[in-house]
Each structure stands twice: as C-alpha cells, then as structure tokens.
C-alpha cells in the first residue's frame, strides 16, 4: 500500500510541475484570434473584440497583468470602428504599461490624430 501511495504522490507531483503558468492573463485570446484571422467576418471581429475587452477587465481579478499588445490591438479595432477617443485612451494605457512600445504607439497616435 505504501508503494502505491508513493507512486501516486510522485506522479501527482510530477504532473503538477507540468502545468503551464503564464505571467499574463490571456483568457481565450488564441482561439478568438485564430477565428478572426481565419474567417475575417463581422461575427469573428466582434467575438475577438469582446475577448480583448474581457481580458482587460478580468486580468486584475486574476491577479495578472494584461498582456502586452492587447490594448494596442483593441485600439486598432476601435479606430476602425471610428471610436477615436477610445483608441487614444487604450494606446495611452499601452504606452504607460509597456514603455518599450512607445515608438509604435506614437506612430499610430499620429495617424489617429491626423484623421
């Protein structure tokens, strides 16, 4: 009985170490992005946009930060819908949380502000 218990304990400990732990909260990003890129229709666009908003809203409750580029991607989507002020807000936050993205964010901000 002790040997079976010991084997079970080793297996559980080993498998626990195999779980993928990420620094950021990704939600269902990978699946909705794949669907959006594959289908490129309004349903997939809205589903992915909703997922990005969900990631931004749920990350704090998961005690994880929003991944880099999520706000940027959502800002581009908002810009395409004509929501200029929301796009600028998201890009400003992206730059605040990820200063290394400043060059790219500033380039997009220039195009938004010119329009």
PDB file of N, CA and C in Angstrom:
ATOM      1  N   UNK A   1       0.820  -1.189   0.000  1.00  0.00           N
ATOM      2  CA  UNK A   1       0.000   0.000   0.000  1.00  0.00           C
ATOM      3  C   UNK A   1       0.868   1.259   0.000  1.00  0.00           C
ATOM      4  N   UNK A   2       1.966   1.209   0.784  1.00  0.00           N
ATOM      5  CA  UNK A   2       2.849   2.364   0.837  1.00  0.00           C
ATOM      6  C   UNK A   2       3.487   2.643  -0.521  1.00  0.00           C
ATOM      7  N   UNK A   3       3.822   1.607  -1.270  1.00  0.00           N
ATOM      8  CA  UNK A   3       4.457   1.772  -2.573  1.00  0.00           C
ATOM      9  C   UNK A   3       3.480   2.418  -3.557  1.00  0.00           C
ATOM     10  N   UNK A   4       2.225   1.994  -3.531  1.00  0.00           N
ATOM     11  CA  UNK A   4       1.208   2.570  -4.421  1.00  0.00           C
ATOM     12  C   UNK A   4       0.999   4.046  -4.081  1.00  0.00           C
ATOM     13  N   UNK A   5       0.950   4.351  -2.789  1.00  0.00           N
ATOM     14  CA  UNK A   5       0.779   5.736  -2.346  1.00  0.00           C
ATOM     15  C   UNK A   5       1.969   6.588  -2.778  1.00  0.00           C
ATOM     16  N   UNK A   6       3.164   6.044  -2.624  1.00  0.00           N
ATOM     17  CA  UNK A   6       4.376   6.753  -3.003  1.00  0.00           C
ATOM     18  C   UNK A   6       4.406   7.009  -4.512  1.00  0.00           C
ATOM     19  N   UNK A   7       4.034   6.017  -5.307  1.00  0.00           N
ATOM     20  CA  UNK A   7       3.984   6.183  -6.767  1.00  0.00           C
ATOM     21  C   UNK A   7       2.961   7.241  -7.165  1.00  0.00           C
ATOM     22  N   UNK A   8       1.809   7.208  -6.528  1.00  0.00           N
ATOM     23  CA  UNK A   8       0.774   8.207  -6.796  1.00  0.00           C
ATOM     24  C   UNK A   8       1.265   9.604  -6.442  1.00  0.00           C
ATOM     25  N   UNK A   9       1.929   9.737  -5.322  1.00  0.00           N
ATOM     26  CA  UNK A   9       2.464  11.022  -4.893  1.00  0.00           C
ATOM     27  C   UNK A   9       3.507  11.548  -5.878  1.00  0.00           C
ATOM     28  N   UNK A  10       4.382  10.688  -6.357  1.00  0.00           N
ATOM     29  CA  UNK A  10       5.403  11.079  -7.336  1.00  0.00           C
ATOM     30  C   UNK A  10       4.738  11.526  -8.640  1.00  0.00           C
ATOM     31  N   UNK A  11       3.741  10.764  -9.091  1.00  0.00           N
ATOM     32  CA  UNK A  11       3.041  11.115 -10.340  1.00  0.00           C
ATOM     33  C   UNK A  11       2.323  12.464 -10.227  1.00  0.00           C
ATOM     34  N   UNK A  12       1.624  12.658  -9.135  1.00  0.00           N
ATOM     35  CA  UNK A  12       0.901  13.917  -8.942  1.00  0.00           C
ATOM     36  C   UNK A  12       1.873  15.088  -8.865  1.00  0.00           C
ATOM     37  N   UNK A  13       2.943  14.943  -8.143  1.00  0.00           N
ATOM     38  CA  UNK A  13       3.949  15.999  -8.020  1.00  0.00           C
ATOM     39  C   UNK A  13       4.576  16.312  -9.372  1.00  0.00           C
ATOM     40  N   UNK A  14       4.880  15.306 -10.138  1.00  0.00           N
ATOM     41  CA  UNK A  14       5.480  15.489 -11.454  1.00  0.00           C
ATOM     42  C   UNK A  14       4.512  16.193 -12.398  1.00  0.00           C
ATOM     43  N   UNK A  15       3.271  15.755 -12.422  1.00  0.00           N
ATOM     44  CA  UNK A  15       2.284  16.360 -13.320  1.00  0.00           C
ATOM     45  C   UNK A  15       1.924  17.783 -12.908  1.00  0.00           C
ATOM     46  N   UNK A  16       1.955  18.075 -11.642  1.00  0.00           N
ATOM     47  CA  UNK A  16       1.678  19.435 -11.174  1.00  0.00           C
ATOM     48  C   UNK A  16       2.735  20.398 -11.700  1.00  0.00           C
ATOM     49  N   UNK A  17       3.952  19.956 -11.779  1.00  0.00           N
ATOM     50  CA  UNK A  17       5.024  20.791 -12.299  1.00  0.00           C
ATOM     51  C   UNK A  17       4.928  21.020 -13.795  1.00  0.00           C
ATOM     52  N   UNK A  18       4.111  20.252 -14.493  1.00  0.00           N
ATOM     53  CA  UNK A  18       3.994  20.358 -15.951  1.00  0.00           C
ATOM     54  C   UNK A  18       2.931  21.365 -16.395  1.00  0.00           C
ATOM     55  N   UNK A  19       2.141  21.879 -15.490  1.00  0.00           N
ATOM     56  CA  UNK A  19       1.098  22.817 -15.907  1.00  0.00           C
ATOM     57  C   UNK A  19       1.729  24.111 -16.394  1.00  0.00           C
ATOM     58  N   UNK A  20       1.132  24.669 -17.420  1.00  0.00           N
ATOM     59  CA  UNK A  20       1.646  25.912 -17.997  1.00  0.00           C
ATOM     60  C   UNK A  20       1.192  27.092 -17.146  1.00  0.00           C
ATOM     61  N   UNK A  21       2.153  27.824 -16.653  1.00  0.00           N
ATOM     62  CA  UNK A  21       1.848  29.009 -15.861  1.00  0.00           C
ATOM     63  C   UNK A  21       2.364  30.207 -16.638  1.00  0.00           C
ATOM     64  N   UNK A  22       1.480  31.138 -16.864  1.00  0.00           N
ATOM     65  CA  UNK A  22       1.876  32.315 -17.622  1.00  0.00           C
ATOM     66  C   UNK A  22       1.866  33.531 -16.722  1.00  0.00           C
ATOM     67  N   UNK A  23       2.662  34.489 -17.090  1.00  0.00           N
ATOM     68  CA  UNK A  23       2.745  35.722 -16.320  1.00  0.00           C
ATOM     69  C   UNK A  23       1.498  36.581 -16.527  1.00  0.00           C
ATOM     70  N   UNK A  24       0.911  36.493 -17.716  1.00  0.00           N
ATOM     71  CA  UNK A  24      -0.218  37.343 -18.085  1.00  0.00           C
ATOM     72  C   UNK A  24      -1.508  36.539 -18.144  1.00  0.00           C
ATOM     73  N   UNK A  25      -2.625  37.259 -18.050  1.00  0.00           N
ATOM     74  CA  UNK A  25      -3.931  36.627 -18.227  1.00  0.00           C
ATOM     75  C   UNK A  25      -4.315  36.738 -19.707  1.00  0.00           C
ATOM     76  N   UNK A  26      -4.435  35.594 -20.377  1.00  0.00           N
ATOM     77  CA  UNK A  26      -4.718  35.575 -21.815  1.00  0.00           C
ATOM     78  C   UNK A  26      -6.166  35.249 -22.148  1.00  0.00           C
ATOM     79  N   UNK A  27      -6.928  34.770 -21.197  1.00  0.00           N
ATOM     80  CA  UNK A  27      -8.315  34.413 -21.496  1.00  0.00           C
ATOM     81  C   UNK A  27      -8.384  33.412 -22.640  1.00  0.00           C
ATOM     82  N   UNK A  28      -9.263  33.671 -23.595  1.00  0.00           N
ATOM     83  CA  UNK A  28      -9.448  32.805 -24.759  1.00  0.00           C
ATOM     84  C   UNK A  28      -8.852  33.466 -26.008  1.00  0.00           C
ATOM     85  N   UNK A  29      -7.825  34.273 -25.812  1.00  0.00           N
ATOM     86  CA  UNK A  29      -7.234  35.081 -26.885  1.00  0.00           C
ATOM     87  C   UNK A  29      -6.840  34.253 -28.100  1.00  0.00           C
ATOM     88  N   UNK A  30      -6.146  33.184 -27.887  1.00  0.00           N
ATOM     89  CA  UNK A  30      -5.618  32.393 -29.005  1.00  0.00           C
ATOM     90  C   UNK A  30      -6.728  31.890 -29.917  1.00  0.00           C
ATOM     91  N   UNK A  31      -7.801  31.392 -29.344  1.00  0.00           N
ATOM     92  CA  UNK A  31      -8.895  30.842 -30.147  1.00  0.00           C
ATOM     93  C   UNK A  31      -9.661  31.921 -30.903  1.00  0.00           C
ATOM     94  N   UNK A  32      -9.961  33.036 -30.244  1.00  0.00           N
ATOM     95  CA  UNK A  32     -10.715  34.080 -30.934  1.00  0.00           C
ATOM     96  C   UNK A  32      -9.864  34.762 -32.003  1.00  0.00           C
ATOM     97  N   UNK A  33      -8.562  34.894 -31.757  1.00  0.00           N
ATOM     98  CA  UNK A  33      -7.683  35.475 -32.774  1.00  0.00           C
ATOM     99  C   UNK A  33      -7.622  34.560 -33.993  1.00  0.00           C
ATOM    100  N   UNK A  34      -7.485  33.276 -33.773  1.00  0.00           N
ATOM    101  CA  UNK A  34      -7.444  32.319 -34.883  1.00  0.00           C
ATOM    102  C   UNK A  34      -8.722  32.419 -35.711  1.00  0.00           C
ATOM    103  N   UNK A  35      -9.862  32.437 -35.036  1.00  0.00           N
ATOM    104  CA  UNK A  35     -11.145  32.527 -35.725  1.00  0.00           C
ATOM    105  C   UNK A  35     -11.255  33.836 -36.509  1.00  0.00           C
ATOM    106  N   UNK A  36     -10.824  34.918 -35.902  1.00  0.00           N
ATOM    107  CA  UNK A  36     -10.883  36.228 -36.551  1.00  0.00           C
ATOM    108  C   UNK A  36      -9.981  36.269 -37.788  1.00  0.00           C
ATOM    109  N   UNK A  37      -8.784  35.748 -37.687  1.00  0.00           N
ATOM    110  CA  UNK A  37      -7.857  35.745 -38.828  1.00  0.00           C
ATOM    111  C   UNK A  37      -8.324  34.785 -39.926  1.00  0.00           C
ATOM    112  N   UNK A  38      -8.917  33.686 -39.526  1.00  0.00           N
ATOM    113  CA  UNK A  38      -9.351  32.684 -40.496  1.00  0.00           C
ATOM    114  C   UNK A  38     -10.611  33.127 -41.234  1.00  0.00           C
ATOM    115  N   UNK A  39     -11.596  33.638 -40.508  1.00  0.00           N
ATOM    116  CA  UNK A  39     -12.895  33.942 -41.107  1.00  0.00           C
ATOM    117  C   UNK A  39     -13.046  35.391 -41.567  1.00  0.00           C
ATOM    118  N   UNK A  40     -12.418  36.310 -40.868  1.00  0.00           N
ATOM    119  CA  UNK A  40     -12.443  37.720 -41.242  1.00  0.00           C
ATOM    120  C   UNK A  40     -13.852  38.218 -41.573  1.00  0.00           C
ATOM    121  N   UNK A  41     -14.793  37.944 -40.681  1.00  0.00           N
ATOM    122  CA  UNK A  41     -16.147  38.474 -40.841  1.00  0.00           C
ATOM    123  C   UNK A  41     -16.536  39.258 -39.597  1.00  0.00           C
ATOM    124  N   UNK A  42     -17.685  39.896 -39.631  1.00  0.00           N
ATOM    125  CA  UNK A  42     -18.074  40.764 -38.511  1.00  0.00           C
ATOM    126  C   UNK A  42     -18.302  39.969 -37.226  1.00  0.00           C
ATOM    127  N   UNK A  43     -18.801  38.746 -37.341  1.00  0.00           N
ATOM    128  CA  UNK A  43     -19.017  37.927 -36.146  1.00  0.00           C
ATOM    129  C   UNK A  43     -17.688  37.613 -35.455  1.00  0.00           C
ATOM    130  N   UNK A  44     -16.701  37.197 -36.236  1.00  0.00           N
ATOM    131  CA  UNK A  44     -15.387  36.879 -35.669  1.00  0.00           C
ATOM    132  C   UNK A  44     -14.717  38.139 -35.124  1.00  0.00           C
ATOM    133  N   UNK A  45     -14.881  39.268 -35.822  1.00  0.00           N
ATOM    134  CA  UNK A  45     -14.340  40.550 -35.360  1.00  0.00           C
ATOM    135  C   UNK A  45     -14.923  40.905 -33.997  1.00  0.00           C
ATOM    136  N   UNK A  46     -16.250  40.849 -33.889  1.00  0.00           N
ATOM    137  CA  UNK A  46     -16.920  41.203 -32.629  1.00  0.00           C
ATOM    138  C   UNK A  46     -16.562  40.239 -31.503  1.00  0.00           C
ATOM    139  N   UNK A  47     -16.435  38.973 -31.829  1.00  0.00           N
ATOM    140  CA  UNK A  47     -16.075  37.976 -30.812  1.00  0.00           C
ATOM    141  C   UNK A  47     -14.667  38.234 -30.284  1.00  0.00           C
ATOM    142  N   UNK A  48     -13.738  38.533 -31.182  1.00  0.00           N
ATOM    143  CA  UNK A  48     -12.364  38.800 -30.755  1.00  0.00           C
ATOM    144  C   UNK A  48     -12.288  40.118 -29.978  1.00  0.00           C
ATOM    145  N   UNK A  49     -13.012  41.126 -30.438  1.00  0.00           N
ATOM    146  CA  UNK A  49     -13.041  42.421 -29.736  1.00  0.00           C
ATOM    147  C   UNK A  49     -13.595  42.245 -28.322  1.00  0.00           C
ATOM    148  N   UNK A  50     -14.644  41.464 -28.188  1.00  0.00           N
ATOM    149  CA  UNK A  50     -15.227  41.179 -26.875  1.00  0.00           C
ATOM    150  C   UNK A  50     -14.229  40.443 -25.989  1.00  0.00           C
ATOM    151  N   UNK A  51     -13.472  39.521 -26.576  1.00  0.00           N
ATOM    152  CA  UNK A  51     -12.459  38.781 -25.811  1.00  0.00           C
ATOM    153  C   UNK A  51     -11.363  39.718 -25.319  1.00  0.00           C
ATOM    154  N   UNK A  52     -10.908  40.638 -26.177  1.00  0.00           N
ATOM    155  CA  UNK A  52      -9.879  41.598 -25.764  1.00  0.00           C
ATOM    156  C   UNK A  52     -10.376  42.466 -24.609  1.00  0.00           C
ATOM    157  N   UNK A  53     -11.617  42.924 -24.711  1.00  0.00           N
ATOM    158  CA  UNK A  53     -12.198  43.711 -23.622  1.00  0.00           C
ATOM    159  C   UNK A  53     -12.305  42.886 -22.349  1.00  0.00           C
ATOM    160  N   UNK A  54     -12.669  41.616 -22.496  1.00  0.00           N
ATOM    161  CA  UNK A  54     -12.761  40.718 -21.345  1.00  0.00           C
ATOM    162  C   UNK A  54     -11.416  40.497 -20.678  1.00  0.00           C
ATOM    163  N   UNK A  55     -10.370  40.358 -21.472  1.00  0.00           N
ATOM    164  CA  UNK A  55      -9.020  40.181 -20.918  1.00  0.00           C
ATOM    165  C   UNK A  55      -8.646  41.404 -20.088  1.00  0.00           C
ATOM    166  N   UNK A  56      -8.900  42.583 -20.631  1.00  0.00           N
ATOM    167  CA  UNK A  56      -8.566  43.825 -19.920  1.00  0.00           C
ATOM    168  C   UNK A  56      -9.357  43.932 -18.620  1.00  0.00           C
ATOM    169  N   UNK A  57     -10.619  43.536 -18.651  1.00  0.00           N
ATOM    170  CA  UNK A  57     -11.473  43.656 -17.463  1.00  0.00           C
ATOM    171  C   UNK A  57     -11.227  42.560 -16.426  1.00  0.00           C
ATOM    172  N   UNK A  58     -10.880  41.352 -16.885  1.00  0.00           N
ATOM    173  CA  UNK A  58     -10.736  40.216 -15.960  1.00  0.00           C
ATOM    174  C   UNK A  58      -9.324  40.049 -15.390  1.00  0.00           C
ATOM    175  N   UNK A  59      -8.329  40.562 -16.060  1.00  0.00           N
ATOM    176  CA  UNK A  59      -6.940  40.357 -15.614  1.00  0.00           C
ATOM    177  C   UNK A  59      -6.717  40.773 -14.161  1.00  0.00           C
ATOM    178  N   UNK A  60      -7.216  41.947 -13.729  1.00  0.00           N
ATOM    179  CA  UNK A  60      -6.987  42.323 -12.324  1.00  0.00           C
ATOM    180  C   UNK A  60      -7.583  41.319 -11.324  1.00  0.00           C
ATOM    181  N   UNK A  61      -8.751  40.773 -11.640  1.00  0.00           N
ATOM    182  CA  UNK A  61      -9.364  39.815 -10.714  1.00  0.00           C
ATOM    183  C   UNK A  61      -8.607  38.484 -10.699  1.00  0.00           C
ATOM    184  N   UNK A  62      -7.824  38.213 -11.725  1.00  0.00           N
ATOM    185  CA  UNK A  62      -6.989  37.010 -11.782  1.00  0.00           C
ATOM    186  C   UNK A  62      -5.599  37.266 -11.202  1.00  0.00           C
ATOM    187  N   UNK A  63      -5.373  38.491 -10.724  1.00  0.00           N
ATOM    188  CA  UNK A  63      -4.074  38.916 -10.174  1.00  0.00           C
ATOM    189  C   UNK A  63      -2.945  38.764 -11.179  1.00  0.00           C
ATOM    190  N   UNK A  64      -3.266  39.055 -12.429  1.00  0.00           N
ATOM    191  CA  UNK A  64      -2.270  39.013 -13.501  1.00  0.00           C
ATOM    192  C   UNK A  64      -2.413  40.278 -14.344  1.00  0.00           C
ATOM    193  N   UNK A  65      -1.315  40.718 -14.936  1.00  0.00           N
ATOM    194  CA  UNK A  65      -1.402  41.898 -15.789  1.00  0.00           C
ATOM    195  C   UNK A  65      -1.974  41.563 -17.172  1.00  0.00           C
ATOM    196  N   UNK A  66      -2.455  42.603 -17.830  1.00  0.00           N
ATOM    197  CA  UNK A  66      -2.915  42.478 -19.210  1.00  0.00           C
ATOM    198  C   UNK A  66      -1.679  42.251 -20.081  1.00  0.00           C
ATOM    199  N   UNK A  67      -1.734  41.315 -21.009  1.00  0.00           N
ATOM    200  CA  UNK A  67      -0.565  41.036 -21.861  1.00  0.00           C
ATOM    201  C   UNK A  67      -0.195  42.235 -22.738  1.00  0.00           C
ATOM    202  N   UNK A  68       1.076  42.328 -23.090  1.00  0.00           N
ATOM    203  CA  UNK A  68       1.484  43.406 -23.983  1.00  0.00           C
ATOM    204  C   UNK A  68       0.805  43.262 -25.343  1.00  0.00           C
ATOM    205  N   UNK A  69       0.351  44.374 -25.869  1.00  0.00           N
ATOM    206  CA  UNK A  69      -0.251  44.390 -27.192  1.00  0.00           C
ATOM    207  C   UNK A  69      -1.752  44.220 -27.218  1.00  0.00           C
ATOM    208  N   UNK A  70      -2.351  43.777 -26.130  1.00  0.00           N
ATOM    209  CA  UNK A  70      -3.804  43.575 -26.116  1.00  0.00           C
ATOM    210  C   UNK A  70      -4.519  44.918 -26.232  1.00  0.00           C
ATOM    211  N   UNK A  71      -4.100  45.884 -25.450  1.00  0.00           N
ATOM    212  CA  UNK A  71      -4.708  47.220 -25.556  1.00  0.00           C
ATOM    213  C   UNK A  71      -4.440  47.829 -26.930  1.00  0.00           C
ATOM    214  N   UNK A  72      -3.237  47.606 -27.449  1.00  0.00           N
ATOM    215  CA  UNK A  72      -2.865  48.123 -28.767  1.00  0.00           C
ATOM    216  C   UNK A  72      -3.784  47.536 -29.847  1.00  0.00           C
ATOM    217  N   UNK A  73      -3.965  46.230 -29.800  1.00  0.00           N
ATOM    218  CA  UNK A  73      -4.819  45.556 -30.784  1.00  0.00           C
ATOM    219  C   UNK A  73      -6.259  46.040 -30.680  1.00  0.00           C
ATOM    220  N   UNK A  74      -6.755  46.185 -29.459  1.00  0.00           N
ATOM    221  CA  UNK A  74      -8.116  46.679 -29.264  1.00  0.00           C
ATOM    222  C   UNK A  74      -8.236  48.116 -29.750  1.00  0.00           C
ATOM    223  N   UNK A  75      -7.207  48.916 -29.549  1.00  0.00           N
ATOM    224  CA  UNK A  75      -7.217  50.303 -30.018  1.00  0.00           C
ATOM    225  C   UNK A  75      -7.336  50.366 -31.536  1.00  0.00           C
ATOM    226  N   UNK A  76      -6.643  49.493 -32.236  1.00  0.00           N
ATOM    227  CA  UNK A  76      -6.724  49.451 -33.700  1.00  0.00           C
ATOM    228  C   UNK A  76      -8.137  49.076 -34.132  1.00  0.00           C
ATOM    229  N   UNK A  77      -8.738  48.137 -33.418  1.00  0.00           N
ATOM    230  CA  UNK A  77     -10.114  47.734 -33.736  1.00  0.00           C
ATOM    231  C   UNK A  77     -11.082  48.889 -33.475  1.00  0.00           C
ATOM    232  N   UNK A  78     -10.888  49.586 -32.359  1.00  0.00           N
ATOM    233  CA  UNK A  78     -11.745  50.737 -32.040  1.00  0.00           C
ATOM    234  C   UNK A  78     -11.588  51.837 -33.084  1.00  0.00           C
ATOM    235  N   UNK A  79     -10.364  52.060 -33.519  1.00  0.00           N
ATOM    236  CA  UNK A  79     -10.115  53.069 -34.549  1.00  0.00           C
ATOM    237  C   UNK A  79     -10.855  52.708 -35.841  1.00  0.00           C
ATOM    238  N   UNK A  80     -10.837  51.441 -36.192  1.00  0.00           N
ATOM    239  CA  UNK A  80     -11.518  51.015 -37.424  1.00  0.00           C
ATOM    240  C   UNK A  80     -13.028  51.210 -37.338  1.00  0.00           C
ATOM    241  N   UNK A  81     -13.552  51.245 -36.111  1.00  0.00           N
ATOM    242  CA  UNK A  81     -14.984  51.482 -35.906  1.00  0.00           C
ATOM    243  C   UNK A  81     -15.307  52.968 -35.756  1.00  0.00           C
ATOM    244  N   UNK A  82     -14.268  53.799 -35.774  1.00  0.00           N
ATOM    245  CA  UNK A  82     -14.474  55.239 -35.649  1.00  0.00           C
ATOM    246  C   UNK A  82     -14.474  55.751 -34.219  1.00  0.00           C
ATOM    247  N   UNK A  83     -14.113  54.912 -33.258  1.00  0.00           N
ATOM    248  CA  UNK A  83     -14.068  55.303 -31.844  1.00  0.00           C
ATOM    249  C   UNK A  83     -12.687  55.869 -31.519  1.00  0.00           C
ATOM    250  N   UNK A  84     -12.435  57.047 -32.022  1.00  0.00           N
ATOM    251  CA  UNK A  84     -11.116  57.675 -31.922  1.00  0.00           C
ATOM    252  C   UNK A  84     -10.682  57.912 -30.475  1.00  0.00           C
ATOM    253  N   UNK A  85     -11.572  58.431 -29.644  1.00  0.00           N
ATOM    254  CA  UNK A  85     -11.188  58.744 -28.260  1.00  0.00           C
ATOM    255  C   UNK A  85     -10.871  57.479 -27.467  1.00  0.00           C
ATOM    256  N   UNK A  86     -11.625  56.409 -27.704  1.00  0.00           N
ATOM    257  CA  UNK A  86     -11.354  55.134 -27.012  1.00  0.00           C
ATOM    258  C   UNK A  86     -10.013  54.557 -27.483  1.00  0.00           C
ATOM    259  N   UNK A  87      -9.732  54.690 -28.769  1.00  0.00           N
ATOM    260  CA  UNK A  87      -8.459  54.200 -29.305  1.00  0.00           C
ATOM    261  C   UNK A  87      -7.291  54.946 -28.671  1.00  0.00           C
ATOM    262  N   UNK A  88      -7.406  56.254 -28.558  1.00  0.00           N
ATOM    263  CA  UNK A  88      -6.340  57.062 -27.946  1.00  0.00           C
ATOM    264  C   UNK A  88      -6.167  56.686 -26.482  1.00  0.00           C
ATOM    265  N   UNK A  89      -7.264  56.475 -25.789  1.00  0.00           N
ATOM    266  CA  UNK A  89      -7.211  56.070 -24.376  1.00  0.00           C
ATOM    267  C   UNK A  89      -6.467  54.741 -24.218  1.00  0.00           C
ATOM    268  N   UNK A  90      -6.797  53.768 -25.048  1.00  0.00           N
ATOM    269  CA  UNK A  90      -6.155  52.453 -24.970  1.00  0.00           C
ATOM    270  C   UNK A  90      -4.671  52.531 -25.323  1.00  0.00           C
ATOM    271  N   UNK A  91      -4.326  53.328 -26.325  1.00  0.00           N
ATOM    272  CA  UNK A  91      -2.924  53.467 -26.720  1.00  0.00           C
ATOM    273  C   UNK A  91      -2.109  54.162 -25.629  1.00  0.00           C
ATOM    274  N   UNK A  92      -2.711  55.122 -24.978  1.00  0.00           N
ATOM    275  CA  UNK A  92      -2.034  55.807 -23.870  1.00  0.00           C
ATOM    276  C   UNK A  92      -1.753  54.828 -22.731  1.00  0.00           C
ATOM    277  N   UNK A  93      -2.714  53.969 -22.442  1.00  0.00           N
ATOM    278  CA  UNK A  93      -2.508  52.953 -21.404  1.00  0.00           C
ATOM    279  C   UNK A  93      -1.447  51.946 -21.816  1.00  0.00           C
ATOM    280  N   UNK A  94      -1.435  51.561 -23.094  1.00  0.00           N
ATOM    281  CA  UNK A  94      -0.418  50.617 -23.582  1.00  0.00           C
ATOM    282  C   UNK A  94       0.971  51.199 -23.376  1.00  0.00           C
ATOM    283  N   UNK A  95       1.109  52.473 -23.695  1.00  0.00           N
ATOM    284  CA  UNK A  95       2.404  53.141 -23.541  1.00  0.00           C
ATOM    285  C   UNK A  95       2.782  53.254 -22.060  1.00  0.00           C
ATOM    286  N   UNK A  96       1.791  53.474 -21.219  1.00  0.00           N
ATOM    287  CA  UNK A  96       2.046  53.593 -19.778  1.00  0.00           C
ATOM    288  C   UNK A  96       2.535  52.265 -19.191  1.00  0.00           C
ATOM    289  N   UNK A  97       1.881  51.167 -19.560  1.00  0.00           N
ATOM    290  CA  UNK A  97       2.239  49.862 -19.004  1.00  0.00           C
ATOM    291  C   UNK A  97       3.441  49.221 -19.695  1.00  0.00           C
ATOM    292  N   UNK A  98       3.652  49.564 -20.960  1.00  0.00           N
ATOM    293  CA  UNK A  98       4.761  48.986 -21.727  1.00  0.00           C
ATOM    294  C   UNK A  98       5.524  50.105 -22.439  1.00  0.00           C
ATOM    295  N   UNK A  99       6.384  50.820 -21.706  1.00  0.00           N
ATOM    296  CA  UNK A  99       7.107  51.954 -22.288  1.00  0.00           C
ATOM    297  C   UNK A  99       7.960  51.578 -23.494  1.00  0.00           C
ATOM    298  N   UNK A 100       8.353  50.322 -23.587  1.00  0.00           N
ATOM    299  CA  UNK A 100       9.154  49.897 -24.731  1.00  0.00           C
ATOM    300  C   UNK A 100       8.358  49.930 -26.039  1.00  0.00           C
ATOM    301  N   UNK A 101       7.039  50.035 -25.942  1.00  0.00           N
ATOM    302  CA  UNK A 101       6.185  50.110 -27.131  1.00  0.00           C
ATOM    303  C   UNK A 101       5.935  51.547 -27.578  1.00  0.00           C
ATOM    304  N   UNK A 102       6.555  52.496 -26.918  1.00  0.00           N
ATOM    305  CA  UNK A 102       6.290  53.912 -27.170  1.00  0.00           C
ATOM    306  C   UNK A 102       6.453  54.286 -28.648  1.00  0.00           C
ATOM    307  N   UNK A 103       7.492  53.798 -29.292  1.00  0.00           N
ATOM    308  CA  UNK A 103       7.745  54.136 -30.693  1.00  0.00           C
ATOM    309  C   UNK A 103       6.549  53.750 -31.572  1.00  0.00           C
ATOM    310  N   UNK A 104       6.063  52.528 -31.419  1.00  0.00           N
ATOM    311  CA  UNK A 104       4.950  52.035 -32.229  1.00  0.00           C
ATOM    312  C   UNK A 104       3.643  52.741 -31.873  1.00  0.00           C
ATOM    313  N   UNK A 105       3.430  52.934 -30.583  1.00  0.00           N
ATOM    314  CA  UNK A 105       2.209  53.607 -30.131  1.00  0.00           C
ATOM    315  C   UNK A 105       2.173  55.040 -30.653  1.00  0.00           C
ATOM    316  N   UNK A 106       3.295  55.746 -30.572  1.00  0.00           N
ATOM    317  CA  UNK A 106       3.341  57.124 -31.056  1.00  0.00           C
ATOM    318  C   UNK A 106       3.070  57.209 -32.553  1.00  0.00           C
ATOM    319  N   UNK A 107       3.554  56.241 -33.320  1.00  0.00           N
ATOM    320  CA  UNK A 107       3.287  56.208 -34.764  1.00  0.00           C
ATOM    321  C   UNK A 107       1.793  56.089 -35.039  1.00  0.00           C
ATOM    322  N   UNK A 108       1.127  55.205 -34.320  1.00  0.00           N
ATOM    323  CA  UNK A 108      -0.315  55.030 -34.511  1.00  0.00           C
ATOM    324  C   UNK A 108      -1.071  56.256 -34.024  1.00  0.00           C
ATOM    325  N   UNK A 109      -0.647  56.822 -32.888  1.00  0.00           N
ATOM    326  CA  UNK A 109      -1.302  58.029 -32.383  1.00  0.00           C
ATOM    327  C   UNK A 109      -1.238  59.161 -33.382  1.00  0.00           C
ATOM    328  N   UNK A 110      -0.129  59.293 -34.074  1.00  0.00           N
ATOM    329  CA  UNK A 110      -0.012  60.333 -35.104  1.00  0.00           C
ATOM    330  C   UNK A 110      -1.030  60.133 -36.217  1.00  0.00           C
ATOM    331  N   UNK A 111      -1.223  58.913 -36.640  1.00  0.00           N
ATOM    332  CA  UNK A 111      -2.193  58.662 -37.714  1.00  0.00           C
ATOM    333  C   UNK A 111      -3.626  58.893 -37.243  1.00  0.00           C
ATOM    334  N   UNK A 112      -3.907  58.558 -35.981  1.00  0.00           N
ATOM    335  CA  UNK A 112      -5.252  58.787 -35.454  1.00  0.00           C
ATOM    336  C   UNK A 112      -5.533  60.271 -35.317  1.00  0.00           C
ATOM    337  N   UNK A 113      -4.571  61.018 -34.797  1.00  0.00           N
ATOM    338  CA  UNK A 113      -4.779  62.437 -34.565  1.00  0.00           C
ATOM    339  C   UNK A 113      -4.847  63.242 -35.862  1.00  0.00           C
ATOM    340  N   UNK A 114      -4.238  62.730 -36.927  1.00  0.00           N
ATOM    341  CA  UNK A 114      -4.274  63.408 -38.227  1.00  0.00           C
ATOM    342  C   UNK A 114      -5.636  63.227 -38.878  1.00  0.00           C
ATOM    343  N   UNK A 115      -6.256  62.083 -38.671  1.00  0.00           N
ATOM    344  CA  UNK A 115      -7.545  61.791 -39.318  1.00  0.00           C
ATOM    345  C   UNK A 115      -8.626  62.741 -38.892  1.00  0.00           C
TER     346      UNK A 115
END
